[in-house]
C-alpha atoms as a PDB file:
ATOM      1  CA  MET A   1      14.932  -8.862 -17.765  1.00  0.00           C
ATOM      2  CA  ALA A   2      14.483 -11.747 -15.319  1.00  0.00           C
ATOM      3  CA  MET A   3      11.297 -13.779 -15.621  1.00  0.00           C
ATOM      4  CA  THR A   4       9.013 -13.383 -12.613  1.00  0.00           C
ATOM      5  CA  ALA A   5       6.601 -15.975 -11.266  1.00  0.00           C
ATOM      6  CA  GLU A   6       3.766 -14.110 -13.002  1.00  0.00           C
ATOM      7  CA  HIS A   7       5.659 -14.196 -16.313  1.00  0.00           C
ATOM      8  CA  GLN A   8       5.945 -17.976 -15.898  1.00  0.00           C
ATOM      9  CA  ARG A   9       2.231 -18.291 -15.171  1.00  0.00           C
ATOM     10  CA  LEU A  10       1.477 -16.385 -18.387  1.00  0.00           C
ATOM     11  CA  VAL A  11       3.799 -18.691 -20.334  1.00  0.00           C
ATOM     12  CA  ASP A  12       2.084 -21.718 -18.790  1.00  0.00           C
ATOM     13  CA  CYS A  13      -1.313 -20.315 -19.830  1.00  0.00           C
ATOM     14  CA  ARG A  14      -0.148 -19.755 -23.402  1.00  0.00           C
ATOM     15  CA  ASP A  15       1.988 -22.830 -24.026  1.00  0.00           C
ATOM     16  CA  ALA A  16       0.602 -25.491 -21.707  1.00  0.00           C
ATOM     17  CA  GLY A  17      -3.016 -24.402 -21.338  1.00  0.00           C
ATOM     18  CA  ALA A  18      -2.707 -23.963 -17.557  1.00  0.00           C
ATOM     19  CA  PRO A  19      -6.060 -22.555 -16.345  1.00  0.00           C
ATOM     20  CA  TRP A  20      -4.675 -19.712 -14.257  1.00  0.00           C
ATOM     21  CA  ARG A  21      -7.424 -17.416 -15.539  1.00  0.00           C
ATOM     22  CA  ARG A  22     -10.326 -19.765 -14.757  1.00  0.00           C
ATOM     23  CA  TRP A  23     -11.003 -17.938 -11.473  1.00  0.00           C
ATOM     24  CA  GLY A  24     -11.055 -14.160 -11.557  1.00  0.00           C
ATOM     25  CA  PRO A  25     -13.008 -10.917 -10.941  1.00  0.00           C
ATOM     26  CA  TYR A  26     -15.695 -11.703 -13.489  1.00  0.00           C
ATOM     27  CA  LEU A  27     -18.726 -10.544 -11.497  1.00  0.00           C
ATOM     28  CA  SER A  28     -19.935  -6.983 -11.716  1.00  0.00           C
ATOM     29  CA  GLU A  29     -20.744  -5.035  -8.567  1.00  0.00           C
ATOM     30  CA  ARG A  30     -24.125  -4.188 -10.086  1.00  0.00           C
ATOM     31  CA  GLN A  31     -26.097  -6.445 -12.394  1.00  0.00           C
ATOM     32  CA  TRP A  32     -29.468  -4.872 -11.608  1.00  0.00           C
ATOM     33  CA  GLY A  33     -30.755  -2.107 -13.879  1.00  0.00           C
ATOM     34  CA  THR A  34     -28.561  -3.131 -16.824  1.00  0.00           C
ATOM     35  CA  VAL A  35     -29.427  -4.092 -20.392  1.00  0.00           C
ATOM     36  CA  ARG A  36     -28.142  -7.590 -19.592  1.00  0.00           C
ATOM     37  CA  GLU A  37     -31.284  -8.251 -17.526  1.00  0.00           C
ATOM     38  CA  ASP A  38     -33.785  -6.200 -19.505  1.00  0.00           C
ATOM     39  CA  TYR A  39     -36.894  -7.962 -20.818  1.00  0.00           C
ATOM     40  CA  SER A  40     -39.164  -4.932 -20.669  1.00  0.00           C
ATOM     41  CA  ALA A  41     -41.445  -4.127 -23.604  1.00  0.00           C
ATOM     42  CA  GLY A  42     -39.998  -0.639 -24.056  1.00  0.00           C
ATOM     43  CA  GLY A  43     -36.336  -1.205 -23.226  1.00  0.00           C
ATOM     44  CA  ASP A  44     -36.560   0.414 -19.783  1.00  0.00           C
ATOM     45  CA  ALA A  45     -33.641  -1.469 -18.246  1.00  0.00           C
ATOM     46  CA  TRP A  46     -33.274   0.831 -15.239  1.00  0.00           C
ATOM     47  CA  ASN A  47     -36.766   0.222 -13.932  1.00  0.00           C
ATOM     48  CA  TYR A  48     -37.302  -3.343 -15.131  1.00  0.00           C
ATOM     49  CA  PHE A  49     -34.853  -4.817 -12.604  1.00  0.00           C
ATOM     50  CA  THR A  50     -34.382  -2.496  -9.621  1.00  0.00           C
ATOM     51  CA  HIS A  51     -31.968  -2.482  -6.699  1.00  0.00           C
ATOM     52  CA  ASP A  52     -34.801  -3.407  -4.335  1.00  0.00           C
ATOM     53  CA  GLN A  53     -35.631  -6.481  -6.427  1.00  0.00           C
ATOM     54  CA  ALA A  54     -32.030  -7.690  -6.664  1.00  0.00           C
ATOM     55  CA  ARG A  55     -31.933  -9.282  -3.213  1.00  0.00           C
ATOM     56  CA  SER A  56     -34.901 -11.588  -3.886  1.00  0.00           C
ATOM     57  CA  ARG A  57     -34.970 -12.136  -7.656  1.00  0.00           C
ATOM     58  CA  ALA A  58     -32.668 -14.387  -9.698  1.00  0.00           C
ATOM     59  CA  TYR A  59     -30.631 -12.860 -12.501  1.00  0.00           C
ATOM     60  CA  ARG A  60     -30.625 -14.482 -15.939  1.00  0.00           C
ATOM     61  CA  TRP A  61     -27.283 -13.524 -17.515  1.00  0.00           C
ATOM     62  CA  GLY A  62     -24.886 -12.809 -14.681  1.00  0.00           C
ATOM     63  CA  GLU A  63     -24.380 -12.147 -10.980  1.00  0.00           C
ATOM     64  CA  ASP A  64     -23.066  -9.314  -8.812  1.00  0.00           C
ATOM     65  CA  GLY A  65     -21.201  -8.927  -5.542  1.00  0.00           C
ATOM     66  CA  LEU A  66     -18.682  -6.893  -3.550  1.00  0.00           C
ATOM     67  CA  GLY A  67     -15.035  -7.857  -4.000  1.00  0.00           C
ATOM     68  CA  SER A  68     -16.182 -10.986  -5.788  1.00  0.00           C
ATOM     69  CA  ILE A  69     -14.613 -13.890  -7.648  1.00  0.00           C
ATOM     70  CA  SER A  70     -16.048 -16.603  -9.885  1.00  0.00           C
ATOM     71  CA  ASP A  71     -15.092 -19.094 -12.546  1.00  0.00           C
ATOM     72  CA  ASP A  72     -14.949 -17.697 -16.075  1.00  0.00           C
ATOM     73  CA  GLN A  73     -18.499 -18.941 -16.798  1.00  0.00           C
ATOM     74  CA  GLN A  74     -19.912 -17.387 -13.605  1.00  0.00           C
ATOM     75  CA  ILE A  75     -21.244 -20.750 -12.451  1.00  0.00           C
ATOM     76  CA  LEU A  76     -19.897 -20.666  -8.893  1.00  0.00           C
ATOM     77  CA  CYS A  77     -19.545 -17.261  -7.240  1.00  0.00           C
ATOM     78  CA  PHE A  78     -17.976 -15.944  -4.045  1.00  0.00           C
ATOM     79  CA  ALA A  79     -18.433 -12.439  -2.643  1.00  0.00           C
ATOM     80  CA  LEU A  80     -18.627 -10.571   0.635  1.00  0.00           C
ATOM     81  CA  ALA A  81     -21.847  -9.375   2.233  1.00  0.00           C
ATOM     82  CA  LEU A  82     -21.688  -6.787   5.039  1.00  0.00           C
ATOM     83  CA  TRP A  83     -23.950  -5.517   7.793  1.00  0.00           C
ATOM     84  CA  ASN A  84     -23.271  -2.724  10.257  1.00  0.00           C
ATOM     85  CA  GLY A  85     -26.192  -3.645  12.500  1.00  0.00           C
ATOM     86  CA  ARG A  86     -28.160  -0.582  11.359  1.00  0.00           C
ATOM     87  CA  ASP A  87     -28.917  -0.917   7.649  1.00  0.00           C
ATOM     88  CA  PRO A  88     -32.345  -2.353   6.753  1.00  0.00           C
ATOM     89  CA  ILE A  89     -30.684  -4.774   4.280  1.00  0.00           C
ATOM     90  CA  LEU A  90     -27.341  -6.480   3.844  1.00  0.00           C
ATOM     91  CA  LYS A  91     -24.781  -4.651   1.733  1.00  0.00           C
ATOM     92  CA  GLU A  92     -24.317  -7.205  -1.080  1.00  0.00           C
ATOM     93  CA  ARG A  93     -23.966  -5.039  -4.194  1.00  0.00           C
ATOM     94  CA  LEU A  94     -23.441  -1.432  -5.197  1.00  0.00           C
ATOM     95  CA  PHE A  95     -26.285   1.028  -4.915  1.00  0.00           C
ATOM     96  CA  GLY A  96     -26.796   3.879  -7.343  1.00  0.00           C
ATOM     97  CA  LEU A  97     -29.267   6.040  -9.204  1.00  0.00           C
ATOM     98  CA  THR A  98     -31.007   5.015 -12.397  1.00  0.00           C
ATOM     99  CA  ASN A  99     -30.967   7.240 -15.454  1.00  0.00           C
ATOM    100  CA  SER A 100     -34.187   8.942 -14.344  1.00  0.00           C
ATOM    101  CA  GLY A 101     -33.322   8.929 -10.647  1.00  0.00           C
ATOM    102  CA  GLY A 102     -30.666  11.627 -10.590  1.00  0.00           C
ATOM    103  CA  ASN A 103     -30.035  15.090 -11.954  1.00  0.00           C
ATOM    104  CA  ARG A 104     -26.914  13.837 -13.787  1.00  0.00           C
ATOM    105  CA  GLY A 105     -28.215  10.486 -15.007  1.00  0.00           C
ATOM    106  CA  GLU A 106     -27.085   7.027 -13.975  1.00  0.00           C
ATOM    107  CA  ASP A 107     -24.624   7.139 -11.086  1.00  0.00           C
ATOM    108  CA  VAL A 108     -23.247   4.715  -8.481  1.00  0.00           C
ATOM    109  CA  LYS A 109     -23.228   6.147  -4.948  1.00  0.00           C
ATOM    110  CA  GLU A 110     -20.464   4.080  -3.336  1.00  0.00           C
ATOM    111  CA  TYR A 111     -16.707   4.235  -2.719  1.00  0.00           C
ATOM    112  CA  TYR A 112     -14.683   1.212  -3.813  1.00  0.00           C
ATOM    113  CA  PHE A 113     -11.214   0.680  -5.264  1.00  0.00           C
ATOM    114  CA  TYR A 114      -9.438  -2.009  -7.283  1.00  0.00           C
ATOM    115  CA  ILE A 115      -5.938  -1.849  -5.780  1.00  0.00           C
ATOM    116  CA  ASN A 116      -4.049  -4.771  -7.327  1.00  0.00           C
ATOM    117  CA  ASN A 117      -4.652  -7.442  -9.973  1.00  0.00           C
ATOM    118  CA  THR A 118      -2.088  -9.514 -11.858  1.00  0.00           C
ATOM    119  CA  PRO A 119      -2.813 -10.599 -15.466  1.00  0.00           C
ATOM    120  CA  THR A 120      -3.592 -14.182 -14.397  1.00  0.00           C
ATOM    121  CA  HIS A 121      -5.533 -12.988 -11.310  1.00  0.00           C
ATOM    122  CA  SER A 122      -3.011 -14.849  -9.154  1.00  0.00           C
ATOM    123  CA  TYR A 123      -3.226 -11.927  -6.717  1.00  0.00           C
ATOM    124  CA  MET A 124      -6.074  -9.420  -6.354  1.00  0.00           C
ATOM    125  CA  ARG A 125      -6.799  -6.752  -3.747  1.00  0.00           C
ATOM    126  CA  TYR A 126     -10.007  -4.742  -3.385  1.00  0.00           C
ATOM    127  CA  LEU A 127     -11.161  -2.024  -0.959  1.00  0.00           C
ATOM    128  CA  TYR A 128     -14.707  -1.058  -0.040  1.00  0.00           C
ATOM    129  CA  LYS A 129     -15.567   1.795   2.341  1.00  0.00           C
ATOM    130  CA  TYR A 130     -18.590   0.852   4.437  1.00  0.00           C
ATOM    131  CA  PRO A 131     -20.308   3.516   6.615  1.00  0.00           C
ATOM    132  CA  GLN A 132     -21.105   2.674  10.227  1.00  0.00           C
ATOM    133  CA  ALA A 133     -24.343   4.678  10.226  1.00  0.00           C
ATOM    134  CA  THR A 134     -27.470   3.663   8.340  1.00  0.00           C
ATOM    135  CA  TYR A 135     -26.849   3.900   4.615  1.00  0.00           C
ATOM    136  CA  PRO A 136     -28.913   6.861   3.278  1.00  0.00           C
ATOM    137  CA  TYR A 137     -30.677   5.139   0.370  1.00  0.00           C
ATOM    138  CA  GLU A 138     -33.786   7.327   0.467  1.00  0.00           C
ATOM    139  CA  GLN A 139     -31.886  10.586   1.050  1.00  0.00           C
ATOM    140  CA  LEU A 140     -29.730   9.997  -2.026  1.00  0.00           C
ATOM    141  CA  LEU A 141     -32.795   9.287  -4.140  1.00  0.00           C
ATOM    142  CA  GLN A 142     -34.888  12.207  -2.962  1.00  0.00           C
ATOM    143  CA  GLU A 143     -32.157  14.861  -2.991  1.00  0.00           C
ATOM    144  CA  ASN A 144     -30.909  13.969  -6.475  1.00  0.00           C
ATOM    145  CA  ARG A 145     -34.466  13.972  -7.827  1.00  0.00           C
ATOM    146  CA  ARG A 146     -35.031  17.398  -6.294  1.00  0.00           C
ATOM    147  CA  ARG A 147     -31.972  19.004  -7.901  1.00  0.00           C
ATOM    148  CA  GLY A 148     -32.061  20.320 -11.438  1.00  0.00           C
ATOM    149  CA  ARG A 149     -29.594  19.477 -14.174  1.00  0.00           C
ATOM    150  CA  LYS A 150     -27.563  22.637 -13.567  1.00  0.00           C
ATOM    151  CA  ALA A 151     -27.005  21.813  -9.886  1.00  0.00           C
ATOM    152  CA  PHE A 152     -24.220  19.649  -8.543  1.00  0.00           C
ATOM    153  CA  GLU A 153     -25.050  16.007  -8.008  1.00  0.00           C
ATOM    154  CA  PHE A 154     -25.574  14.854  -4.423  1.00  0.00           C
ATOM    155  CA  ASP A 155     -23.048  12.165  -3.527  1.00  0.00           C
ATOM    156  CA  LEU A 156     -22.666   9.792  -0.598  1.00  0.00           C
ATOM    157  CA  LEU A 157     -19.932  11.957   0.931  1.00  0.00           C
ATOM    158  CA  ASP A 158     -22.316  14.942   0.917  1.00  0.00           C
ATOM    159  CA  THR A 159     -24.669  13.166   3.321  1.00  0.00           C
ATOM    160  CA  GLY A 160     -22.129  13.458   6.159  1.00  0.00           C
ATOM    161  CA  ILE A 161     -22.130   9.710   6.723  1.00  0.00           C
ATOM    162  CA  PHE A 162     -18.304   9.623   6.687  1.00  0.00           C
ATOM    163  CA  ASP A 163     -17.904  12.468   9.206  1.00  0.00           C
ATOM    164  CA  GLU A 164     -15.364  11.752  11.977  1.00  0.00           C
ATOM    165  CA  ASP A 165     -14.147   8.807   9.888  1.00  0.00           C
ATOM    166  CA  ARG A 166     -17.051   6.662  11.078  1.00  0.00           C
ATOM    167  CA  TYR A 167     -16.629   3.931   8.493  1.00  0.00           C
ATOM    168  CA  PHE A 168     -14.903   0.585   7.909  1.00  0.00           C
ATOM    169  CA  ASP A 169     -12.202  -0.069   5.360  1.00  0.00           C
ATOM    170  CA  ILE A 170     -12.932  -3.573   4.065  1.00  0.00           C
ATOM    171  CA  PHE A 171     -10.056  -5.198   2.178  1.00  0.00           C
ATOM    172  CA  VAL A 172     -10.599  -8.408   0.198  1.00  0.00           C
ATOM    173  CA  GLU A 173      -7.502 -10.241  -1.060  1.00  0.00           C
ATOM    174  CA  TYR A 174      -7.165 -13.306  -3.287  1.00  0.00           C
ATOM    175  CA  ALA A 175      -3.943 -15.275  -3.830  1.00  0.00           C
ATOM    176  CA  LYS A 176      -3.705 -18.470  -5.893  1.00  0.00           C
ATOM    177  CA  ALA A 177      -1.542 -21.327  -4.667  1.00  0.00           C
ATOM    178  CA  ASP A 178      -2.278 -23.031  -7.996  1.00  0.00           C
ATOM    179  CA  PRO A 179      -4.968 -22.556 -10.688  1.00  0.00           C
ATOM    180  CA  GLU A 180      -7.581 -24.388  -8.596  1.00  0.00           C
ATOM    181  CA  ASP A 181      -6.522 -23.349  -5.068  1.00  0.00           C
ATOM    182  CA  VAL A 182      -7.467 -19.806  -4.066  1.00  0.00           C
ATOM    183  CA  LEU A 183      -6.637 -18.249  -0.709  1.00  0.00           C
ATOM    184  CA  ILE A 184      -8.993 -15.485   0.458  1.00  0.00           C
ATOM    185  CA  ARG A 185      -8.375 -12.939   3.209  1.00  0.00           C
ATOM    186  CA  VAL A 186     -10.937 -10.370   4.356  1.00  0.00           C
ATOM    187  CA  THR A 187      -9.760  -7.593   6.687  1.00  0.00           C
ATOM    188  CA  GLY A 188     -11.946  -4.922   8.253  1.00  0.00           C
ATOM    189  CA  HIS A 189     -10.486  -1.742   9.789  1.00  0.00           C
ATOM    190  CA  ASN A 190     -12.542   0.530  12.020  1.00  0.00           C
ATOM    191  CA  ARG A 191     -11.462   4.082  11.124  1.00  0.00           C
ATOM    192  CA  GLY A 192     -13.866   5.783  13.528  1.00  0.00           C
ATOM    193  CA  PRO A 193     -13.370   7.183  17.053  1.00  0.00           C
ATOM    194  CA  GLU A 194     -15.517   4.567  18.819  1.00  0.00           C
ATOM    195  CA  ALA A 195     -16.048   0.817  18.875  1.00  0.00           C
ATOM    196  CA  ALA A 196     -18.511  -0.378  16.214  1.00  0.00           C
ATOM    197  CA  THR A 197     -20.047  -3.669  15.161  1.00  0.00           C
ATOM    198  CA  LEU A 198     -19.309  -5.218  11.770  1.00  0.00           C
ATOM    199  CA  HIS A 199     -20.809  -8.452  10.449  1.00  0.00           C
ATOM    200  CA  LEU A 200     -18.744 -10.183   7.744  1.00  0.00           C
ATOM    201  CA  LEU A 201     -20.645 -12.750   5.684  1.00  0.00           C
ATOM    202  CA  PRO A 202     -18.488 -14.538   3.080  1.00  0.00           C
ATOM    203  CA  THR A 203     -21.048 -15.954   0.655  1.00  0.00           C
ATOM    204  CA  LEU A 204     -20.780 -18.803  -1.841  1.00  0.00           C
ATOM    205  CA  TRP A 205     -23.540 -19.357  -4.383  1.00  0.00           C
ATOM    206  CA  PHE A 206     -24.405 -20.733  -7.811  1.00  0.00           C
ATOM    207  CA  CYS A 207     -25.706 -18.617 -10.644  1.00  0.00           C
ATOM    208  CA  ASN A 208     -29.248 -19.858 -11.296  1.00  0.00           C
ATOM    209  CA  THR A 209     -28.856 -21.955 -14.452  1.00  0.00           C
ATOM    210  CA  TRP A 210     -31.475 -24.565 -13.541  1.00  0.00           C
ATOM    211  CA  SER A 211     -34.757 -22.583 -13.530  1.00  0.00           C
ATOM    212  CA  TRP A 212     -34.829 -21.862 -17.266  1.00  0.00           C
ATOM    213  CA  PRO A 213     -36.211 -24.109 -20.059  1.00  0.00           C
ATOM    214  CA  ASP A 214     -32.679 -24.888 -21.284  1.00  0.00           C
ATOM    215  CA  GLY A 215     -31.293 -25.131 -17.761  1.00  0.00           C
ATOM    216  CA  THR A 216     -28.818 -27.478 -16.137  1.00  0.00           C
ATOM    217  CA  ALA A 217     -29.444 -29.939 -13.330  1.00  0.00           C
ATOM    218  CA  LYS A 218     -29.859 -28.236  -9.967  1.00  0.00           C
ATOM    219  CA  PRO A 219     -26.523 -27.973  -8.121  1.00  0.00           C
ATOM    220  CA  SER A 220     -26.038 -28.452  -4.385  1.00  0.00           C
ATOM    221  CA  LEU A 221     -24.383 -26.810  -1.402  1.00  0.00           C
ATOM    222  CA  ARG A 222     -23.809 -28.614   1.885  1.00  0.00           C
ATOM    223  CA  ALA A 223     -21.777 -28.321   5.050  1.00  0.00           C
ATOM    224  CA  ALA A 224     -18.785 -30.659   4.852  1.00  0.00           C
ATOM    225  CA  GLU A 225     -16.408 -32.142   7.394  1.00  0.00           C
ATOM    226  CA  ALA A 226     -13.281 -30.111   8.074  1.00  0.00           C
ATOM    227  CA  ASN A 227     -10.499 -30.650  10.574  1.00  0.00           C
ATOM    228  CA  GLY A 228     -10.064 -27.451  12.561  1.00  0.00           C
ATOM    229  CA  GLY A 229     -12.274 -25.315  10.355  1.00  0.00           C
ATOM    230  CA  THR A 230     -15.601 -24.863   8.603  1.00  0.00           C
ATOM    231  CA  ALA A 231     -16.211 -26.239   5.109  1.00  0.00           C
ATOM    232  CA  ILE A 232     -18.912 -25.956   2.449  1.00  0.00           C
ATOM    233  CA  GLU A 233     -19.008 -28.322  -0.500  1.00  0.00           C
ATOM    234  CA  ALA A 234     -20.443 -27.091  -3.815  1.00  0.00           C
ATOM    235  CA  ARG A 235     -21.382 -29.539  -6.597  1.00  0.00           C
ATOM    236  CA  HIS A 236     -22.386 -28.675 -10.172  1.00  0.00           C
ATOM    237  CA  GLU A 237     -22.683 -30.899 -13.245  1.00  0.00           C
ATOM    238  CA  GLN A 238     -20.434 -28.614 -15.323  1.00  0.00           C
ATOM    239  CA  LEU A 239     -17.956 -27.429 -12.713  1.00  0.00           C
ATOM    240  CA  GLY A 240     -17.674 -30.589 -10.642  1.00  0.00           C
ATOM    241  CA  SER A 241     -17.019 -30.406  -6.896  1.00  0.00           C
ATOM    242  CA  ARG A 242     -15.437 -27.459  -5.080  1.00  0.00           C
ATOM    243  CA  THR A 243     -14.958 -26.697  -1.388  1.00  0.00           C
ATOM    244  CA  LEU A 244     -14.877 -23.430   0.549  1.00  0.00           C
ATOM    245  CA  PHE A 245     -12.809 -23.947   3.705  1.00  0.00           C
ATOM    246  CA  CYS A 246     -12.684 -21.355   6.504  1.00  0.00           C
ATOM    247  CA  GLU A 247      -9.945 -21.444   9.116  1.00  0.00           C
ATOM    248  CA  ARG A 248     -12.273 -21.231  12.144  1.00  0.00           C
ATOM    249  CA  ASP A 249     -14.450 -24.087  13.413  1.00  0.00           C
ATOM    250  CA  ASP A 250     -16.972 -21.943  15.334  1.00  0.00           C
ATOM    251  CA  LEU A 251     -18.655 -20.296  12.347  1.00  0.00           C
ATOM    252  CA  PRO A 252     -22.342 -21.020  11.692  1.00  0.00           C
ATOM    253  CA  VAL A 253     -23.200 -22.145   8.153  1.00  0.00           C
ATOM    254  CA  LEU A 254     -26.440 -21.021   6.510  1.00  0.00           C
ATOM    255  CA  ILE A 255     -27.634 -22.883   3.408  1.00  0.00           C
ATOM    256  CA  VAL A 256     -30.676 -21.416   1.709  1.00  0.00           C
ATOM    257  CA  GLU A 257     -32.555 -21.688  -1.571  1.00  0.00           C
ATOM    258  CA  ASN A 258     -32.011 -19.144  -4.338  1.00  0.00           C
ATOM    259  CA  GLU A 259     -35.701 -18.202  -4.189  1.00  0.00           C
ATOM    260  CA  THR A 260     -35.263 -16.615  -0.753  1.00  0.00           C
ATOM    261  CA  SER A 261     -33.781 -13.218   0.029  1.00  0.00           C
ATOM    262  CA  LEU A 262     -30.381 -14.780   0.679  1.00  0.00           C
ATOM    263  CA  HIS A 263     -28.132 -16.015  -2.114  1.00  0.00           C
ATOM    264  CA  GLY A 264     -26.668 -19.303  -1.051  1.00  0.00           C
ATOM    265  CA  SER A 265     -24.335 -20.452   1.665  1.00  0.00           C
ATOM    266  CA  SER A 266     -22.787 -18.100   4.168  1.00  0.00           C
ATOM    267  CA  ALA A 267     -20.222 -18.308   6.927  1.00  0.00           C
ATOM    268  CA  VAL A 268     -21.071 -15.560   9.404  1.00  0.00           C
ATOM    269  CA  ARG A 269     -18.720 -13.673  11.667  1.00  0.00           C
ATOM    270  CA  ALA A 270     -19.765 -10.775  13.881  1.00  0.00           C
ATOM    271  CA  VAL A 271     -17.027  -8.529  15.247  1.00  0.00           C
ATOM    272  CA  ARG A 272     -17.098  -5.738  17.808  1.00  0.00           C
ATOM    273  CA  SER A 273     -14.143  -3.677  16.630  1.00  0.00           C
ATOM    274  CA  SER A 274     -12.204  -1.028  18.507  1.00  0.00           C
ATOM    275  CA  PRO A 275     -11.681   2.453  17.077  1.00  0.00           C
ATOM    276  CA  ARG A 276      -9.047   3.919  14.779  1.00  0.00           C
ATOM    277  CA  THR A 277      -6.307   1.325  14.398  1.00  0.00           C
ATOM    278  CA  ALA A 278      -8.160  -1.875  15.200  1.00  0.00           C
ATOM    279  CA  SER A 279      -8.850  -4.490  12.574  1.00  0.00           C
ATOM    280  CA  THR A 280     -10.175  -7.992  12.241  1.00  0.00           C
ATOM    281  CA  THR A 281      -9.195 -10.599   9.689  1.00  0.00           C
ATOM    282  CA  ALA A 282     -10.962 -13.693   8.400  1.00  0.00           C
ATOM    283  CA  SER A 283      -9.308 -16.151   6.057  1.00  0.00           C
ATOM    284  CA  CYS A 284     -10.636 -18.981   3.927  1.00  0.00           C
ATOM    285  CA  ARG A 285      -9.672 -21.204   1.017  1.00  0.00           C
ATOM    286  CA  ALA A 286     -12.050 -21.383  -1.907  1.00  0.00           C
ATOM    287  CA  ALA A 287     -12.696 -23.248  -5.156  1.00  0.00           C
ATOM    288  CA  ARG A 288     -10.472 -26.172  -4.262  1.00  0.00           C
ATOM    289  CA  GLN A 289     -11.225 -29.172  -6.423  1.00  0.00           C
ATOM    290  CA  ARG A 290     -11.776 -32.474  -4.633  1.00  0.00           C
END
């Protein structure tokens, strides 16, 4: 059997220590409500760190994001945030019910798919289905609380939010040119019958390792010079310097503190997409060592 490029990458990892696995899908889609973040007196992980708190409270032992990538220590993270112009909050992580919030226990109320992933994470492809109408957070909570244990659970599809295919298919792809050079492509398809607005916010941030008694020095994010594009430089005492480069030069860059309701640094793109077959694509290059 002929050796493929992926076979060679695996050999390089094993025999030469090539760090092909340094960057990969190591972030969960939901860190909130887990035992990893539980410091409650009675072990009530579900209510100690809620979904509502996640957008404005720093995690201690990990991060979360949609279609995300990070180094194997989860120091520097990249993920996609979405907004359909109607939701009260950005879609940054999966929403679900806690163990006491539903008639069938803990349950994520989202639709997402891991399509491809090579052993060295040299290529990864992810799909998230994002409704165009306001996400029914409260309806999912109230209806599942109302139903008894013998009733069917009430899922996102049951709300009718996907009727007439009024949703976006969001594909996130990663391809490595080398262990430290990652190409990222985000593609949004409007599956509905009418034009709809989609905001794509590729987000780069550091896990908060500096606010704790045994913490590291505070890292930095800053807009950097880029010929024909938009660049963000990220510096950390353990990871060194990395740059996120986006192919367009007309993207605004937002750099915020971790204590605010935004994670870190975002390149923002708003798209008015046509129905059915239309799509929009944004590309960037991430985690490139300088």
